[in-house]
Every structure is written in structure tokens, then in C-alpha cells.
């Protein structure tokens, strides 16, 4: 399964982290249809950069940092035309993925 994900990431031109965000966004079928794979790929790449630039060691415990990250994620989604009716769910999914990413970074 890991090898398959790695191959998919290579096919899409995404890192492992970017692929995780891409997959999180891709759970919304209407977003995939409306935006298409290239735009979702761009969103995933931008989200990884945004999350990495804004997470701190204790960000999951600090509500003000979580709120700031939520705003930044929504801004990225809006910028790329992510369907408004699905933005809240996508934002939540992205924040959950950000928690996984920050845990992996902390363990590395």
C-alpha cells in the first residue's frame, strides 16, 4: 500500500505529504469534477507549504494558532475556487491531516 501511494505521488508529481493533502481534498467528488486534478494538485502543494510555515510544536493545543491556520486553509481553498458548500468539511479534513503531518515531523 505504501509503494502504491509512492507510485501515485510520483505519477502526480507530488511528495508523500502533498499526496496526503491531495487525497484529503479528493474525498469530495464534486471538487474533483469542478476543479480537476491539476488544480487539486496545486492546492495540495500550497496547503503543505502553508501548514509547514505555520505549525509550531504546540499548535494543536493553542486555539489561536488553530484558528489562524483554519483561516489560511480557507483562504487557499477560496483562492483556487474550491466549492463553497464543501469548504468547511475540506478545512476540517486538512486540519486533521496537518495534525498527522506535524506528528510525523515531531517524530523525525
C-alpha atoms as a PDB file:
ATOM      1  CA  UNK A   1       0.000   0.000   0.000  1.00  0.00           C
ATOM      2  CA  UNK A   2       2.875   2.364   0.792  1.00  0.00           C
ATOM      3  CA  UNK A   3       4.540   1.511  -2.512  1.00  0.00           C
ATOM      4  CA  UNK A   4       1.273   2.171  -4.354  1.00  0.00           C
ATOM      5  CA  UNK A   5       0.926   5.571  -2.667  1.00  0.00           C
ATOM      6  CA  UNK A   6       4.527   6.393  -3.517  1.00  0.00           C
ATOM      7  CA  UNK A   7       3.926   5.492  -7.169  1.00  0.00           C
ATOM      8  CA  UNK A   8       0.723   7.571  -7.284  1.00  0.00           C
ATOM      9  CA  UNK A   9       2.589  10.508  -5.797  1.00  0.00           C
ATOM     10  CA  UNK A  10       5.314  10.196  -8.406  1.00  0.00           C
ATOM     11  CA  UNK A  11       2.727   9.959 -11.203  1.00  0.00           C
ATOM     12  CA  UNK A  12       1.069  13.148  -9.949  1.00  0.00           C
ATOM     13  CA  UNK A  13       4.345  14.915  -9.241  1.00  0.00           C
ATOM     14  CA  UNK A  14       3.573  15.134  -5.512  1.00  0.00           C
ATOM     15  CA  UNK A  15       5.599  14.403  -2.402  1.00  0.00           C
ATOM     16  CA  UNK A  16       4.217  11.967   0.161  1.00  0.00           C
ATOM     17  CA  UNK A  17       2.941  14.884   2.276  1.00  0.00           C
ATOM     18  CA  UNK A  18       1.340  16.606  -0.713  1.00  0.00           C
ATOM     19  CA  UNK A  19      -0.320  13.345  -1.764  1.00  0.00           C
ATOM     20  CA  UNK A  20      -1.919  13.042   1.685  1.00  0.00           C
ATOM     21  CA  UNK A  21      -3.458  16.508   1.324  1.00  0.00           C
ATOM     22  CA  UNK A  22      -4.431  15.782  -2.297  1.00  0.00           C
ATOM     23  CA  UNK A  23      -6.245  12.629  -1.162  1.00  0.00           C
ATOM     24  CA  UNK A  24      -7.940  14.543   1.661  1.00  0.00           C
ATOM     25  CA  UNK A  25      -9.251  17.105  -0.831  1.00  0.00           C
ATOM     26  CA  UNK A  26     -10.155  14.392  -3.319  1.00  0.00           C
ATOM     27  CA  UNK A  27     -12.708  12.839  -0.976  1.00  0.00           C
ATOM     28  CA  UNK A  28     -15.104  15.488  -2.303  1.00  0.00           C
ATOM     29  CA  UNK A  29     -16.220  14.158  -5.689  1.00  0.00           C
ATOM     30  CA  UNK A  30     -17.767  17.462  -6.751  1.00  0.00           C
ATOM     31  CA  UNK A  31     -14.476  19.270  -6.085  1.00  0.00           C
ATOM     32  CA  UNK A  32     -12.639  16.736  -8.229  1.00  0.00           C
ATOM     33  CA  UNK A  33     -15.158  17.207 -11.057  1.00  0.00           C
ATOM     34  CA  UNK A  34     -15.259  21.007 -10.824  1.00  0.00           C
ATOM     35  CA  UNK A  35     -11.578  21.710 -10.239  1.00  0.00           C
ATOM     36  CA  UNK A  36      -9.828  18.789 -11.864  1.00  0.00           C
ATOM     37  CA  UNK A  37      -6.616  17.047 -10.922  1.00  0.00           C
ATOM     38  CA  UNK A  38      -4.161  19.845 -11.820  1.00  0.00           C
ATOM     39  CA  UNK A  39      -5.912  22.385  -9.567  1.00  0.00           C
ATOM     40  CA  UNK A  40      -6.243  19.922  -6.686  1.00  0.00           C
ATOM     41  CA  UNK A  41      -2.534  19.169  -7.061  1.00  0.00           C
ATOM     42  CA  UNK A  42      -1.734  22.894  -6.856  1.00  0.00           C
ATOM     43  CA  UNK A  43      -3.990  23.313  -3.808  1.00  0.00           C
ATOM     44  CA  UNK A  44      -2.322  20.343  -2.063  1.00  0.00           C
ATOM     45  CA  UNK A  45       1.142  21.761  -2.699  1.00  0.00           C
ATOM     46  CA  UNK A  46       0.141  25.193  -1.432  1.00  0.00           C
ATOM     47  CA  UNK A  47      -1.531  23.713   1.654  1.00  0.00           C
ATOM     48  CA  UNK A  48       1.619  21.785   2.586  1.00  0.00           C
ATOM     49  CA  UNK A  49       3.682  24.981   2.311  1.00  0.00           C
ATOM     50  CA  UNK A  50       1.091  26.926   4.341  1.00  0.00           C
ATOM     51  CA  UNK A  51       0.817  24.297   7.061  1.00  0.00           C
ATOM     52  CA  UNK A  52       4.587  23.821   7.358  1.00  0.00           C
ATOM     53  CA  UNK A  53       5.109  27.582   7.643  1.00  0.00           C
ATOM     54  CA  UNK A  54       2.509  27.991  10.377  1.00  0.00           C
ATOM     55  CA  UNK A  55       2.643  24.963  12.657  1.00  0.00           C
ATOM     56  CA  UNK A  56       4.541  25.095  15.899  1.00  0.00           C
ATOM     57  CA  UNK A  57       5.291  22.349  18.392  1.00  0.00           C
ATOM     58  CA  UNK A  58       2.165  23.047  20.452  1.00  0.00           C
ATOM     59  CA  UNK A  59      -0.129  24.364  17.696  1.00  0.00           C
ATOM     60  CA  UNK A  60      -2.780  21.699  18.310  1.00  0.00           C
ATOM     61  CA  UNK A  61      -3.129  22.917  21.906  1.00  0.00           C
ATOM     62  CA  UNK A  62      -3.337  26.631  21.119  1.00  0.00           C
ATOM     63  CA  UNK A  63      -6.739  27.662  19.828  1.00  0.00           C
ATOM     64  CA  UNK A  64      -5.477  30.960  18.397  1.00  0.00           C
ATOM     65  CA  UNK A  65      -2.946  29.123  16.211  1.00  0.00           C
ATOM     66  CA  UNK A  66      -5.575  26.583  15.124  1.00  0.00           C
ATOM     67  CA  UNK A  67      -7.930  29.441  14.241  1.00  0.00           C
ATOM     68  CA  UNK A  68      -5.223  31.212  12.243  1.00  0.00           C
ATOM     69  CA  UNK A  69      -4.406  28.028  10.341  1.00  0.00           C
ATOM     70  CA  UNK A  70      -8.115  27.450   9.664  1.00  0.00           C
ATOM     71  CA  UNK A  71      -8.349  30.946   8.114  1.00  0.00           C
ATOM     72  CA  UNK A  72      -5.253  30.328   5.987  1.00  0.00           C
ATOM     73  CA  UNK A  73      -6.593  26.979   4.746  1.00  0.00           C
ATOM     74  CA  UNK A  74      -9.949  28.527   3.829  1.00  0.00           C
ATOM     75  CA  UNK A  75      -8.136  31.328   2.014  1.00  0.00           C
ATOM     76  CA  UNK A  76      -6.187  28.811  -0.104  1.00  0.00           C
ATOM     77  CA  UNK A  77      -9.363  26.868  -0.909  1.00  0.00           C
ATOM     78  CA  UNK A  78     -11.265  30.022  -1.921  1.00  0.00           C
ATOM     79  CA  UNK A  79      -8.356  31.296  -3.992  1.00  0.00           C
ATOM     80  CA  UNK A  80      -8.490  28.174  -6.144  1.00  0.00           C
ATOM     81  CA  UNK A  81     -12.295  28.018  -6.431  1.00  0.00           C
ATOM     82  CA  UNK A  82     -12.927  25.062  -4.133  1.00  0.00           C
ATOM     83  CA  UNK A  83     -16.732  24.556  -3.957  1.00  0.00           C
ATOM     84  CA  UNK A  84     -18.013  26.819  -1.129  1.00  0.00           C
ATOM     85  CA  UNK A  85     -20.537  24.269   0.139  1.00  0.00           C
ATOM     86  CA  UNK A  86     -17.705  21.802   0.747  1.00  0.00           C
ATOM     87  CA  UNK A  87     -15.091  24.176   2.183  1.00  0.00           C
ATOM     88  CA  UNK A  88     -15.903  23.593   5.848  1.00  0.00           C
ATOM     89  CA  UNK A  89     -15.551  19.812   5.555  1.00  0.00           C
ATOM     90  CA  UNK A  90     -12.378  20.216   3.471  1.00  0.00           C
ATOM     91  CA  UNK A  91     -10.929  22.631   6.027  1.00  0.00           C
ATOM     92  CA  UNK A  92     -11.589  20.155   8.836  1.00  0.00           C
ATOM     93  CA  UNK A  93     -10.042  17.317   6.829  1.00  0.00           C
ATOM     94  CA  UNK A  94      -6.975  19.427   6.009  1.00  0.00           C
ATOM     95  CA  UNK A  95      -6.519  20.363   9.683  1.00  0.00           C
ATOM     96  CA  UNK A  96      -6.720  16.689  10.647  1.00  0.00           C
ATOM     97  CA  UNK A  97      -4.092  15.920   8.019  1.00  0.00           C
ATOM     98  CA  UNK A  98      -1.986  18.800   9.356  1.00  0.00           C
ATOM     99  CA  UNK A  99      -2.057  17.161  12.794  1.00  0.00           C
ATOM    100  CA  UNK A 100      -0.758  13.924  11.268  1.00  0.00           C
ATOM    101  CA  UNK A 101       1.934  15.845   9.380  1.00  0.00           C
ATOM    102  CA  UNK A 102       3.072  17.717  12.483  1.00  0.00           C
ATOM    103  CA  UNK A 103       3.206  14.467  14.477  1.00  0.00           C
ATOM    104  CA  UNK A 104       5.379  12.895  11.770  1.00  0.00           C
ATOM    105  CA  UNK A 105       7.662  15.944  11.712  1.00  0.00           C
ATOM    106  CA  UNK A 106       7.979  15.824  15.509  1.00  0.00           C
ATOM    107  CA  UNK A 107       8.944  12.137  15.399  1.00  0.00           C
ATOM    108  CA  UNK A 108      11.551  12.625  12.654  1.00  0.00           C
END
